[in-house]
């Protein structure tokens, strides 16, 4: 164990975060997402939910400032009645760690899958909320 590292971040997950470079993307996948199908690198975080992982990781993860939107969500399929209240929680978490955050990018479902296939890694969670998938684009540490 190390000081200051939340215990929810496994050694495997920390290694993945450390290996990522500027512009690389990481996907937080809810429990229904085809994570194993889409992932180049799959990190299992079974038993954990997206908000708690997002909160733990955002302490260390710089968002890309060279793009308009460094955080992307899977858009609700047109006609689907779901209104993802978890997005409000995501917004609060990201704003807590990045004062420059303005809004999410919304990506159509199948485009989200294709983008995930190009991501550096996918974190598979046990999140039950629908449309609780998040992509973060890594920036640079300037401190």
N, C-alpha and C. Protein backbone atom coordinates (compact mmCIF):
# COMPACT_ATOMS: atom_id res chain seq x y z
N UNK A 1 0.84 -1.19 0.00
CA UNK A 1 0.00 0.00 0.00
C UNK A 1 0.88 1.25 0.00
N UNK A 2 0.32 2.31 -0.52
CA UNK A 2 1.00 3.59 -0.55
C UNK A 2 0.12 4.65 0.08
N UNK A 3 0.71 5.68 0.58
CA UNK A 3 -0.05 6.78 1.16
C UNK A 3 -0.76 7.56 0.07
N UNK A 4 -2.00 7.94 0.36
CA UNK A 4 -2.73 8.82 -0.54
C UNK A 4 -3.36 8.17 -1.74
N UNK A 5 -3.11 6.89 -1.98
CA UNK A 5 -3.73 6.18 -3.11
C UNK A 5 -5.00 5.52 -2.60
N UNK A 6 -6.16 5.88 -3.15
CA UNK A 6 -7.39 5.24 -2.70
C UNK A 6 -7.33 3.73 -2.92
N UNK A 7 -7.75 2.93 -1.95
CA UNK A 7 -7.65 1.48 -2.08
C UNK A 7 -8.50 0.91 -3.22
N UNK A 8 -9.44 1.68 -3.74
CA UNK A 8 -10.24 1.23 -4.88
C UNK A 8 -9.40 1.14 -6.16
N UNK A 9 -8.27 1.84 -6.18
CA UNK A 9 -7.38 1.80 -7.35
C UNK A 9 -6.42 0.64 -7.17
N UNK A 10 -6.63 -0.40 -7.95
CA UNK A 10 -5.78 -1.60 -7.87
C UNK A 10 -4.41 -1.30 -8.48
N UNK A 11 -3.42 -2.14 -8.16
CA UNK A 11 -2.11 -1.97 -8.81
C UNK A 11 -2.20 -2.01 -10.33
N UNK A 12 -3.05 -2.89 -10.85
CA UNK A 12 -3.22 -2.97 -12.31
C UNK A 12 -3.77 -1.67 -12.88
N UNK A 13 -4.78 -1.11 -12.21
CA UNK A 13 -5.38 0.14 -12.69
C UNK A 13 -4.38 1.29 -12.59
N UNK A 14 -3.62 1.36 -11.51
CA UNK A 14 -2.62 2.43 -11.37
C UNK A 14 -1.57 2.31 -12.47
N UNK A 15 -1.15 1.10 -12.78
CA UNK A 15 -0.18 0.88 -13.86
C UNK A 15 -0.72 1.40 -15.19
N UNK A 16 -1.97 1.09 -15.48
CA UNK A 16 -2.58 1.55 -16.73
C UNK A 16 -2.62 3.07 -16.77
N UNK A 17 -3.04 3.70 -15.68
CA UNK A 17 -3.11 5.16 -15.63
C UNK A 17 -1.73 5.79 -15.84
N UNK A 18 -0.70 5.17 -15.24
CA UNK A 18 0.66 5.69 -15.37
C UNK A 18 1.22 5.50 -16.79
N UNK A 19 0.79 4.45 -17.48
CA UNK A 19 1.29 4.19 -18.83
C UNK A 19 0.63 5.07 -19.88
N UNK A 20 -0.52 5.63 -19.58
CA UNK A 20 -1.23 6.46 -20.56
C UNK A 20 -0.46 7.74 -20.83
N UNK A 21 -0.55 8.19 -22.08
CA UNK A 21 0.07 9.45 -22.48
C UNK A 21 -0.97 10.47 -22.88
N UNK A 22 -0.49 11.66 -23.20
CA UNK A 22 -1.37 12.76 -23.61
C UNK A 22 -2.21 12.36 -24.82
N UNK A 23 -3.51 12.55 -24.70
CA UNK A 23 -4.43 12.21 -25.79
C UNK A 23 -5.00 10.81 -25.72
N UNK A 24 -4.40 9.94 -24.90
CA UNK A 24 -4.97 8.60 -24.72
C UNK A 24 -6.31 8.70 -24.00
N UNK A 25 -7.16 7.73 -24.29
CA UNK A 25 -8.48 7.71 -23.66
C UNK A 25 -8.67 6.45 -22.83
N UNK A 26 -9.41 6.60 -21.74
CA UNK A 26 -9.79 5.48 -20.89
C UNK A 26 -11.30 5.50 -20.76
N UNK A 27 -11.89 4.32 -20.78
CA UNK A 27 -13.35 4.18 -20.73
C UNK A 27 -13.76 3.53 -19.42
N UNK A 28 -14.72 4.14 -18.75
CA UNK A 28 -15.37 3.54 -17.59
C UNK A 28 -16.65 2.90 -18.12
N UNK A 29 -16.76 1.59 -18.01
CA UNK A 29 -17.88 0.87 -18.59
C UNK A 29 -18.84 0.38 -17.51
N UNK A 30 -20.13 0.63 -17.74
CA UNK A 30 -21.12 0.11 -16.79
C UNK A 30 -21.26 -1.40 -16.97
N UNK A 31 -22.03 -2.02 -16.11
CA UNK A 31 -22.15 -3.47 -16.09
C UNK A 31 -22.76 -4.08 -17.34
N UNK A 32 -23.48 -3.31 -18.13
CA UNK A 32 -24.10 -3.82 -19.36
C UNK A 32 -23.24 -3.62 -20.59
N UNK A 33 -22.18 -2.86 -20.47
CA UNK A 33 -21.34 -2.52 -21.61
C UNK A 33 -20.53 -3.74 -22.07
N UNK A 34 -20.34 -3.94 -23.38
CA UNK A 34 -19.54 -5.06 -23.87
C UNK A 34 -18.04 -4.78 -23.73
N UNK A 35 -17.59 -4.64 -22.50
CA UNK A 35 -16.21 -4.22 -22.21
C UNK A 35 -15.18 -5.19 -22.79
N UNK A 36 -15.34 -6.47 -22.56
CA UNK A 36 -14.36 -7.45 -23.05
C UNK A 36 -14.32 -7.49 -24.57
N UNK A 37 -15.43 -7.25 -25.21
CA UNK A 37 -15.51 -7.25 -26.67
C UNK A 37 -14.76 -6.06 -27.26
N UNK A 38 -14.84 -4.91 -26.58
CA UNK A 38 -14.31 -3.66 -27.14
C UNK A 38 -12.91 -3.30 -26.67
N UNK A 39 -12.41 -3.92 -25.62
CA UNK A 39 -11.18 -3.45 -24.98
C UNK A 39 -9.90 -3.98 -25.61
N UNK A 40 -8.93 -3.08 -25.80
CA UNK A 40 -7.55 -3.49 -26.09
C UNK A 40 -6.93 -4.00 -24.80
N UNK A 41 -7.15 -3.23 -23.73
CA UNK A 41 -6.69 -3.58 -22.37
C UNK A 41 -7.91 -3.50 -21.47
N UNK A 42 -8.21 -4.56 -20.79
CA UNK A 42 -9.38 -4.61 -19.91
C UNK A 42 -8.92 -4.67 -18.46
N UNK A 43 -9.44 -3.75 -17.65
CA UNK A 43 -9.17 -3.74 -16.22
C UNK A 43 -10.49 -4.04 -15.52
N UNK A 44 -10.56 -5.16 -14.81
CA UNK A 44 -11.78 -5.56 -14.11
C UNK A 44 -11.83 -4.84 -12.76
N UNK A 45 -12.94 -4.18 -12.52
CA UNK A 45 -13.20 -3.53 -11.22
C UNK A 45 -14.57 -3.98 -10.74
N UNK A 46 -14.79 -5.28 -10.78
CA UNK A 46 -16.06 -5.85 -10.36
C UNK A 46 -16.36 -5.46 -8.92
N UNK A 47 -17.64 -5.21 -8.65
CA UNK A 47 -18.06 -4.84 -7.31
C UNK A 47 -17.99 -3.34 -7.06
N UNK A 48 -17.45 -2.60 -8.02
CA UNK A 48 -17.36 -1.14 -7.88
C UNK A 48 -18.24 -0.47 -8.91
N UNK A 49 -18.62 0.77 -8.62
CA UNK A 49 -19.47 1.55 -9.51
C UNK A 49 -18.65 2.66 -10.16
N UNK A 50 -19.17 3.20 -11.23
CA UNK A 50 -18.44 4.22 -11.97
C UNK A 50 -18.18 5.48 -11.14
N UNK A 51 -19.16 6.04 -10.43
CA UNK A 51 -18.85 7.28 -9.70
C UNK A 51 -17.71 7.16 -8.69
N UNK A 52 -17.65 6.07 -7.95
CA UNK A 52 -16.57 5.93 -6.96
C UNK A 52 -15.21 5.78 -7.63
N UNK A 53 -15.15 5.09 -8.75
CA UNK A 53 -13.89 4.97 -9.49
C UNK A 53 -13.50 6.30 -10.13
N UNK A 54 -14.48 6.96 -10.72
CA UNK A 54 -14.22 8.26 -11.34
C UNK A 54 -13.68 9.24 -10.31
N UNK A 55 -14.28 9.26 -9.14
CA UNK A 55 -13.84 10.17 -8.08
C UNK A 55 -12.42 9.84 -7.63
N UNK A 56 -12.10 8.58 -7.51
CA UNK A 56 -10.75 8.19 -7.09
C UNK A 56 -9.70 8.54 -8.14
N UNK A 57 -10.02 8.33 -9.39
CA UNK A 57 -9.06 8.53 -10.47
C UNK A 57 -8.87 10.00 -10.82
N UNK A 58 -9.93 10.80 -10.75
CA UNK A 58 -9.82 12.21 -11.13
C UNK A 58 -8.84 12.98 -10.25
N UNK A 59 -8.52 12.48 -9.08
CA UNK A 59 -7.51 13.12 -8.22
C UNK A 59 -6.15 13.16 -8.90
N UNK A 60 -5.89 12.18 -9.76
CA UNK A 60 -4.59 12.01 -10.38
C UNK A 60 -4.59 12.28 -11.88
N UNK A 61 -5.76 12.34 -12.48
CA UNK A 61 -5.89 12.28 -13.93
C UNK A 61 -6.11 13.67 -14.53
N UNK A 62 -5.10 14.20 -15.25
CA UNK A 62 -5.30 15.49 -15.90
C UNK A 62 -6.13 15.32 -17.17
N UNK A 63 -7.12 16.17 -17.35
CA UNK A 63 -7.92 16.12 -18.57
C UNK A 63 -7.24 16.93 -19.67
N UNK A 64 -7.42 16.50 -20.90
CA UNK A 64 -6.82 17.15 -22.06
C UNK A 64 -7.42 18.55 -22.24
N UNK A 65 -6.56 19.55 -22.31
CA UNK A 65 -7.02 20.93 -22.49
C UNK A 65 -6.96 21.36 -23.95
N UNK A 66 -6.49 20.48 -24.84
CA UNK A 66 -6.35 20.81 -26.24
C UNK A 66 -7.55 20.36 -27.08
N UNK A 67 -8.57 19.86 -26.41
CA UNK A 67 -9.80 19.46 -27.10
C UNK A 67 -10.97 20.22 -26.48
N UNK A 68 -12.04 20.35 -27.24
CA UNK A 68 -13.21 21.07 -26.73
C UNK A 68 -13.87 20.35 -25.56
N UNK A 69 -13.98 19.02 -25.65
CA UNK A 69 -14.62 18.23 -24.61
C UNK A 69 -13.74 17.02 -24.30
N UNK A 70 -13.17 16.97 -23.10
CA UNK A 70 -12.27 15.87 -22.71
C UNK A 70 -12.99 14.73 -22.02
N UNK A 71 -14.30 14.90 -21.78
CA UNK A 71 -15.10 13.85 -21.13
C UNK A 71 -16.30 13.58 -22.03
N UNK A 72 -16.48 12.31 -22.38
CA UNK A 72 -17.58 11.93 -23.27
C UNK A 72 -18.48 10.91 -22.59
N UNK A 73 -19.76 11.00 -22.90
CA UNK A 73 -20.77 10.05 -22.40
C UNK A 73 -21.46 9.40 -23.58
N UNK A 74 -21.99 8.20 -23.34
CA UNK A 74 -22.79 7.55 -24.36
C UNK A 74 -24.17 8.22 -24.38
N UNK A 75 -24.54 8.77 -25.52
CA UNK A 75 -25.84 9.43 -25.66
C UNK A 75 -26.97 8.41 -25.55
N UNK A 76 -28.08 8.86 -25.02
CA UNK A 76 -29.27 8.01 -24.95
C UNK A 76 -29.76 7.75 -26.36
N UNK A 77 -30.09 6.50 -26.63
CA UNK A 77 -30.62 6.12 -27.94
C UNK A 77 -31.93 6.88 -28.17
N UNK A 78 -32.07 7.54 -29.32
CA UNK A 78 -33.31 8.29 -29.59
C UNK A 78 -34.55 7.42 -29.37
N UNK A 79 -35.50 7.97 -28.64
CA UNK A 79 -36.74 7.25 -28.35
C UNK A 79 -36.71 6.44 -27.07
N UNK A 80 -35.52 6.23 -26.50
CA UNK A 80 -35.42 5.48 -25.24
C UNK A 80 -35.84 6.41 -24.11
N UNK A 81 -36.72 5.94 -23.21
CA UNK A 81 -37.26 6.82 -22.18
C UNK A 81 -36.32 7.14 -21.01
N UNK A 82 -35.15 6.55 -20.97
CA UNK A 82 -34.23 6.75 -19.85
C UNK A 82 -33.71 8.18 -19.79
N UNK A 83 -33.70 8.73 -18.57
CA UNK A 83 -33.07 10.03 -18.30
C UNK A 83 -31.98 9.76 -17.27
N UNK A 84 -30.74 9.63 -17.72
CA UNK A 84 -29.65 9.22 -16.82
C UNK A 84 -29.33 10.26 -15.73
N UNK A 85 -29.85 10.05 -14.55
CA UNK A 85 -29.58 10.96 -13.44
C UNK A 85 -28.14 10.83 -12.96
N UNK A 86 -27.49 9.72 -13.28
CA UNK A 86 -26.10 9.53 -12.88
C UNK A 86 -25.18 10.56 -13.55
N UNK A 87 -25.62 11.13 -14.67
CA UNK A 87 -24.81 12.14 -15.34
C UNK A 87 -24.58 13.36 -14.46
N UNK A 88 -25.57 13.71 -13.63
CA UNK A 88 -25.40 14.82 -12.70
C UNK A 88 -24.29 14.52 -11.70
N UNK A 89 -24.22 13.28 -11.26
CA UNK A 89 -23.16 12.85 -10.35
C UNK A 89 -21.80 12.92 -11.03
N UNK A 90 -21.73 12.47 -12.28
CA UNK A 90 -20.49 12.55 -13.05
C UNK A 90 -20.04 14.01 -13.17
N UNK A 91 -20.98 14.89 -13.48
CA UNK A 91 -20.66 16.31 -13.65
C UNK A 91 -20.05 16.89 -12.36
N UNK A 92 -20.64 16.58 -11.22
CA UNK A 92 -20.13 17.08 -9.93
C UNK A 92 -18.72 16.58 -9.66
N UNK A 93 -18.48 15.32 -9.96
CA UNK A 93 -17.16 14.73 -9.72
C UNK A 93 -16.11 15.39 -10.61
N UNK A 94 -16.39 15.52 -11.89
CA UNK A 94 -15.42 16.11 -12.81
C UNK A 94 -15.16 17.57 -12.43
N UNK A 95 -16.21 18.32 -12.13
CA UNK A 95 -16.04 19.72 -11.75
C UNK A 95 -15.24 19.88 -10.46
N UNK A 96 -15.35 18.91 -9.57
CA UNK A 96 -14.60 18.96 -8.31
C UNK A 96 -13.09 18.97 -8.55
N UNK A 97 -12.65 18.28 -9.59
CA UNK A 97 -11.22 18.14 -9.86
C UNK A 97 -10.72 18.97 -11.04
N UNK A 98 -11.62 19.48 -11.86
CA UNK A 98 -11.21 20.26 -13.03
C UNK A 98 -12.11 21.49 -13.17
N UNK A 99 -11.60 22.63 -12.75
CA UNK A 99 -12.38 23.87 -12.77
C UNK A 99 -12.66 24.36 -14.18
N UNK A 100 -11.91 23.86 -15.17
CA UNK A 100 -12.11 24.27 -16.56
C UNK A 100 -13.17 23.45 -17.29
N UNK A 101 -13.67 22.41 -16.64
CA UNK A 101 -14.68 21.55 -17.28
C UNK A 101 -15.95 22.36 -17.53
N UNK A 102 -16.48 22.27 -18.76
CA UNK A 102 -17.71 22.98 -19.10
C UNK A 102 -18.87 22.04 -19.36
N UNK A 103 -18.64 21.02 -20.17
CA UNK A 103 -19.73 20.10 -20.48
C UNK A 103 -19.18 18.82 -21.10
N UNK A 104 -20.06 17.84 -21.20
CA UNK A 104 -19.71 16.55 -21.79
C UNK A 104 -19.88 16.58 -23.30
N UNK A 105 -19.15 15.69 -23.95
CA UNK A 105 -19.43 15.36 -25.34
C UNK A 105 -20.38 14.17 -25.28
N UNK A 106 -21.39 14.15 -26.13
CA UNK A 106 -22.32 13.03 -26.17
C UNK A 106 -22.09 12.27 -27.48
N UNK A 107 -21.84 10.97 -27.34
CA UNK A 107 -21.47 10.12 -28.47
C UNK A 107 -22.55 9.07 -28.69
N UNK A 108 -23.00 8.95 -29.92
CA UNK A 108 -24.00 7.96 -30.29
C UNK A 108 -23.50 6.57 -29.91
N UNK A 109 -24.43 5.69 -29.53
CA UNK A 109 -24.11 4.37 -28.97
C UNK A 109 -23.07 3.59 -29.77
N UNK A 110 -23.31 3.38 -31.07
CA UNK A 110 -22.38 2.55 -31.85
C UNK A 110 -21.07 3.28 -32.12
N UNK A 111 -21.10 4.59 -32.22
CA UNK A 111 -19.87 5.37 -32.34
C UNK A 111 -19.06 5.28 -31.04
N UNK A 112 -19.77 5.22 -29.90
CA UNK A 112 -19.11 5.05 -28.61
C UNK A 112 -18.38 3.71 -28.57
N UNK A 113 -19.02 2.65 -29.07
CA UNK A 113 -18.38 1.34 -29.10
C UNK A 113 -17.11 1.39 -29.96
N UNK A 114 -17.20 2.01 -31.12
CA UNK A 114 -16.04 2.09 -32.01
C UNK A 114 -14.92 2.90 -31.39
N UNK A 115 -15.28 3.99 -30.73
CA UNK A 115 -14.26 4.82 -30.06
C UNK A 115 -13.60 4.03 -28.93
N UNK A 116 -14.39 3.23 -28.22
CA UNK A 116 -13.86 2.41 -27.14
C UNK A 116 -12.82 1.42 -27.65
N UNK A 117 -13.03 0.90 -28.84
CA UNK A 117 -12.08 -0.05 -29.42
C UNK A 117 -10.71 0.58 -29.65
N UNK A 118 -10.67 1.91 -29.76
CA UNK A 118 -9.41 2.63 -29.96
C UNK A 118 -8.83 3.14 -28.64
N UNK A 119 -9.59 3.03 -27.55
CA UNK A 119 -9.15 3.56 -26.26
C UNK A 119 -7.95 2.79 -25.72
N UNK A 120 -7.17 3.45 -24.89
CA UNK A 120 -6.01 2.82 -24.27
C UNK A 120 -6.44 1.66 -23.40
N UNK A 121 -7.53 1.86 -22.63
CA UNK A 121 -8.01 0.80 -21.73
C UNK A 121 -9.48 1.00 -21.42
N UNK A 122 -10.10 -0.09 -20.98
CA UNK A 122 -11.49 -0.07 -20.54
C UNK A 122 -11.54 -0.61 -19.11
N UNK A 123 -12.21 0.13 -18.25
CA UNK A 123 -12.42 -0.30 -16.87
C UNK A 123 -13.83 -0.88 -16.79
N UNK A 124 -13.93 -2.17 -16.55
CA UNK A 124 -15.23 -2.83 -16.44
C UNK A 124 -15.71 -2.76 -14.99
N UNK A 125 -16.90 -2.20 -14.77
CA UNK A 125 -17.44 -2.04 -13.43
C UNK A 125 -18.72 -2.86 -13.27
N UNK A 126 -19.27 -2.78 -12.08
CA UNK A 126 -20.57 -3.42 -11.80
C UNK A 126 -21.69 -2.39 -11.76
N UNK A 127 -21.45 -1.23 -12.35
CA UNK A 127 -22.45 -0.16 -12.35
C UNK A 127 -23.76 -0.63 -12.98
N UNK A 128 -24.87 -0.41 -12.27
CA UNK A 128 -26.18 -0.83 -12.76
C UNK A 128 -26.95 0.27 -13.49
N UNK A 129 -26.57 1.52 -13.28
CA UNK A 129 -27.28 2.62 -13.95
C UNK A 129 -27.11 2.50 -15.46
N UNK A 130 -28.16 2.83 -16.19
CA UNK A 130 -28.10 2.81 -17.65
C UNK A 130 -27.37 4.05 -18.15
N UNK A 131 -26.68 3.90 -19.26
CA UNK A 131 -25.93 5.00 -19.88
C UNK A 131 -24.91 5.60 -18.91
N UNK A 132 -24.25 4.74 -18.17
CA UNK A 132 -23.25 5.18 -17.19
C UNK A 132 -21.84 4.90 -17.70
N UNK A 133 -21.62 5.12 -18.99
CA UNK A 133 -20.32 4.90 -19.61
C UNK A 133 -19.65 6.25 -19.84
N UNK A 134 -18.38 6.33 -19.50
CA UNK A 134 -17.65 7.59 -19.57
C UNK A 134 -16.30 7.38 -20.24
N UNK A 135 -15.93 8.31 -21.11
CA UNK A 135 -14.59 8.33 -21.70
C UNK A 135 -13.87 9.57 -21.20
N UNK A 136 -12.64 9.37 -20.70
CA UNK A 136 -11.78 10.49 -20.31
C UNK A 136 -10.59 10.54 -21.26
N UNK A 137 -10.27 11.74 -21.75
CA UNK A 137 -9.08 11.94 -22.59
C UNK A 137 -8.01 12.58 -21.71
N UNK A 138 -6.86 11.90 -21.64
CA UNK A 138 -5.79 12.34 -20.75
C UNK A 138 -5.06 13.55 -21.30
N UNK A 139 -4.78 14.48 -20.38
CA UNK A 139 -4.00 15.66 -20.71
C UNK A 139 -2.59 15.53 -20.16
N UNK A 140 -1.97 16.67 -19.90
CA UNK A 140 -0.60 16.70 -19.39
C UNK A 140 -0.59 17.26 -17.98
N UNK A 141 0.38 16.83 -17.20
CA UNK A 141 0.57 17.35 -15.86
C UNK A 141 1.45 18.60 -16.01
N UNK A 142 0.97 19.73 -15.50
CA UNK A 142 1.71 20.98 -15.67
C UNK A 142 2.23 21.53 -14.35
N UNK A 143 2.01 20.83 -13.27
CA UNK A 143 2.43 21.32 -11.95
C UNK A 143 3.86 20.97 -11.66
